[in-house]
């Protein structure tokens, strides 16, 4: 009988470059499977940029003319780190509409 650890794929057996060429990840829209999304209350936002700095997926790239960052929901996975780190609680995670 194999031990569970023996059944795992070894790192050296994985193909390299699963995403292809540098910058090609924009072709893979990862926001389709999230269950919650960030919603910004513009009245509470103080334009600190914490959402931009803490987002692990870099979905806060574009700054609106009003100086707050907009989330690119094509790539947001709904982790909620932006809402957790927002000092004014201007971001809330809302159930995704189906």
C-alpha atoms as a PDB file:
ATOM      1  CA  UNK A   1       0.000   0.000   0.000  1.00  0.00           C
ATOM      2  CA  UNK A   2       1.331   3.445  -0.939  1.00  0.00           C
ATOM      3  CA  UNK A   3       1.687   6.047   1.748  1.00  0.00           C
ATOM      4  CA  UNK A   4      -0.315   9.243   1.013  1.00  0.00           C
ATOM      5  CA  UNK A   5       2.896  11.236   0.635  1.00  0.00           C
ATOM      6  CA  UNK A   6       4.097   8.844  -2.091  1.00  0.00           C
ATOM      7  CA  UNK A   7       0.941   9.513  -4.128  1.00  0.00           C
ATOM      8  CA  UNK A   8       1.670  13.238  -4.415  1.00  0.00           C
ATOM      9  CA  UNK A   9       3.072  14.691  -7.620  1.00  0.00           C
ATOM     10  CA  UNK A  10       6.720  15.631  -7.237  1.00  0.00           C
ATOM     11  CA  UNK A  11       7.588  19.258  -7.971  1.00  0.00           C
ATOM     12  CA  UNK A  12      10.084  18.205 -10.651  1.00  0.00           C
ATOM     13  CA  UNK A  13       7.300  16.334 -12.482  1.00  0.00           C
ATOM     14  CA  UNK A  14       5.161  19.441 -12.969  1.00  0.00           C
ATOM     15  CA  UNK A  15       5.368  21.192 -16.342  1.00  0.00           C
ATOM     16  CA  UNK A  16       7.070  24.572 -16.227  1.00  0.00           C
ATOM     17  CA  UNK A  17       5.460  27.781 -17.409  1.00  0.00           C
ATOM     18  CA  UNK A  18       1.848  26.868 -16.852  1.00  0.00           C
ATOM     19  CA  UNK A  19       0.782  30.457 -17.560  1.00  0.00           C
ATOM     20  CA  UNK A  20       2.844  30.859 -20.717  1.00  0.00           C
ATOM     21  CA  UNK A  21       4.740  34.005 -21.568  1.00  0.00           C
ATOM     22  CA  UNK A  22       5.200  36.875 -19.096  1.00  0.00           C
ATOM     23  CA  UNK A  23       2.055  38.979 -18.890  1.00  0.00           C
ATOM     24  CA  UNK A  24      -0.162  36.247 -20.324  1.00  0.00           C
ATOM     25  CA  UNK A  25      -2.112  35.855 -17.093  1.00  0.00           C
ATOM     26  CA  UNK A  26      -4.408  38.681 -18.200  1.00  0.00           C
ATOM     27  CA  UNK A  27      -5.961  36.133 -20.547  1.00  0.00           C
ATOM     28  CA  UNK A  28      -7.114  34.005 -17.587  1.00  0.00           C
ATOM     29  CA  UNK A  29     -10.058  35.755 -15.964  1.00  0.00           C
ATOM     30  CA  UNK A  30     -10.122  34.302 -12.455  1.00  0.00           C
ATOM     31  CA  UNK A  31     -13.071  36.244 -11.037  1.00  0.00           C
ATOM     32  CA  UNK A  32     -15.685  33.895 -12.485  1.00  0.00           C
ATOM     33  CA  UNK A  33     -15.649  31.507  -9.529  1.00  0.00           C
ATOM     34  CA  UNK A  34     -15.819  33.903  -6.582  1.00  0.00           C
ATOM     35  CA  UNK A  35     -18.854  33.887  -4.289  1.00  0.00           C
ATOM     36  CA  UNK A  36     -18.420  37.391  -2.809  1.00  0.00           C
ATOM     37  CA  UNK A  37     -17.173  40.636  -4.309  1.00  0.00           C
ATOM     38  CA  UNK A  38     -15.890  43.922  -2.880  1.00  0.00           C
ATOM     39  CA  UNK A  39     -18.263  46.875  -2.895  1.00  0.00           C
ATOM     40  CA  UNK A  40     -16.893  50.329  -2.138  1.00  0.00           C
ATOM     41  CA  UNK A  41     -18.794  52.963  -0.148  1.00  0.00           C
ATOM     42  CA  UNK A  42     -17.339  56.087  -1.793  1.00  0.00           C
ATOM     43  CA  UNK A  43     -18.581  58.267   1.074  1.00  0.00           C
ATOM     44  CA  UNK A  44     -16.323  56.439   3.561  1.00  0.00           C
ATOM     45  CA  UNK A  45     -13.256  56.114   1.291  1.00  0.00           C
ATOM     46  CA  UNK A  46     -10.273  58.284   2.308  1.00  0.00           C
ATOM     47  CA  UNK A  47      -8.159  57.360  -0.759  1.00  0.00           C
ATOM     48  CA  UNK A  48      -5.450  55.706   1.343  1.00  0.00           C
ATOM     49  CA  UNK A  49      -4.688  53.020  -1.253  1.00  0.00           C
ATOM     50  CA  UNK A  50      -4.628  50.149   1.262  1.00  0.00           C
ATOM     51  CA  UNK A  51      -6.860  48.125  -1.079  1.00  0.00           C
ATOM     52  CA  UNK A  52      -4.253  48.601  -3.799  1.00  0.00           C
ATOM     53  CA  UNK A  53      -1.307  47.696  -1.572  1.00  0.00           C
ATOM     54  CA  UNK A  54      -2.812  44.658   0.146  1.00  0.00           C
ATOM     55  CA  UNK A  55      -4.657  42.964  -2.735  1.00  0.00           C
ATOM     56  CA  UNK A  56      -2.749  39.739  -3.466  1.00  0.00           C
ATOM     57  CA  UNK A  57      -4.039  39.642  -7.040  1.00  0.00           C
ATOM     58  CA  UNK A  58      -3.461  43.282  -7.955  1.00  0.00           C
ATOM     59  CA  UNK A  59      -7.067  43.900  -8.990  1.00  0.00           C
ATOM     60  CA  UNK A  60      -6.942  47.497  -7.757  1.00  0.00           C
ATOM     61  CA  UNK A  61      -4.985  49.039 -10.617  1.00  0.00           C
ATOM     62  CA  UNK A  62      -7.069  51.814 -12.062  1.00  0.00           C
ATOM     63  CA  UNK A  63      -7.714  54.966 -10.103  1.00  0.00           C
ATOM     64  CA  UNK A  64     -11.061  56.638 -10.797  1.00  0.00           C
ATOM     65  CA  UNK A  65     -11.125  60.398 -11.448  1.00  0.00           C
ATOM     66  CA  UNK A  66     -12.453  60.786  -7.888  1.00  0.00           C
ATOM     67  CA  UNK A  67      -9.117  59.292  -6.616  1.00  0.00           C
ATOM     68  CA  UNK A  68     -10.406  55.955  -5.274  1.00  0.00           C
ATOM     69  CA  UNK A  69      -9.151  52.663  -6.726  1.00  0.00           C
ATOM     70  CA  UNK A  70     -11.527  50.546  -8.800  1.00  0.00           C
ATOM     71  CA  UNK A  71     -11.491  46.760  -8.490  1.00  0.00           C
ATOM     72  CA  UNK A  72     -11.184  44.847 -11.749  1.00  0.00           C
ATOM     73  CA  UNK A  73     -13.787  42.179 -11.020  1.00  0.00           C
ATOM     74  CA  UNK A  74     -12.601  40.045 -13.950  1.00  0.00           C
ATOM     75  CA  UNK A  75      -9.657  39.030 -11.754  1.00  0.00           C
ATOM     76  CA  UNK A  76     -10.941  39.483  -8.177  1.00  0.00           C
ATOM     77  CA  UNK A  77     -11.224  36.126  -6.385  1.00  0.00           C
ATOM     78  CA  UNK A  78     -13.219  37.548  -3.482  1.00  0.00           C
ATOM     79  CA  UNK A  79     -10.664  36.876  -0.747  1.00  0.00           C
ATOM     80  CA  UNK A  80     -11.777  39.919   1.272  1.00  0.00           C
ATOM     81  CA  UNK A  81      -8.301  41.129   2.231  1.00  0.00           C
ATOM     82  CA  UNK A  82      -9.116  44.589   0.846  1.00  0.00           C
ATOM     83  CA  UNK A  83     -12.176  44.845   3.103  1.00  0.00           C
ATOM     84  CA  UNK A  84     -10.233  43.576   6.112  1.00  0.00           C
ATOM     85  CA  UNK A  85      -7.403  46.082   5.646  1.00  0.00           C
ATOM     86  CA  UNK A  86      -9.547  49.127   4.844  1.00  0.00           C
ATOM     87  CA  UNK A  87      -9.115  51.465   7.844  1.00  0.00           C
ATOM     88  CA  UNK A  88     -12.513  53.128   7.306  1.00  0.00           C
ATOM     89  CA  UNK A  89     -14.391  49.906   6.468  1.00  0.00           C
ATOM     90  CA  UNK A  90     -15.375  51.479   3.151  1.00  0.00           C
ATOM     91  CA  UNK A  91     -15.198  48.088   1.425  1.00  0.00           C
ATOM     92  CA  UNK A  92     -17.705  45.373   2.219  1.00  0.00           C
ATOM     93  CA  UNK A  93     -17.829  41.900   0.761  1.00  0.00           C
ATOM     94  CA  UNK A  94     -21.221  41.282  -0.826  1.00  0.00           C
ATOM     95  CA  UNK A  95     -22.655  38.000  -2.081  1.00  0.00           C
ATOM     96  CA  UNK A  96     -22.126  37.617  -5.804  1.00  0.00           C
ATOM     97  CA  UNK A  97     -25.348  37.821  -7.801  1.00  0.00           C
ATOM     98  CA  UNK A  98     -25.990  34.766  -9.929  1.00  0.00           C
END
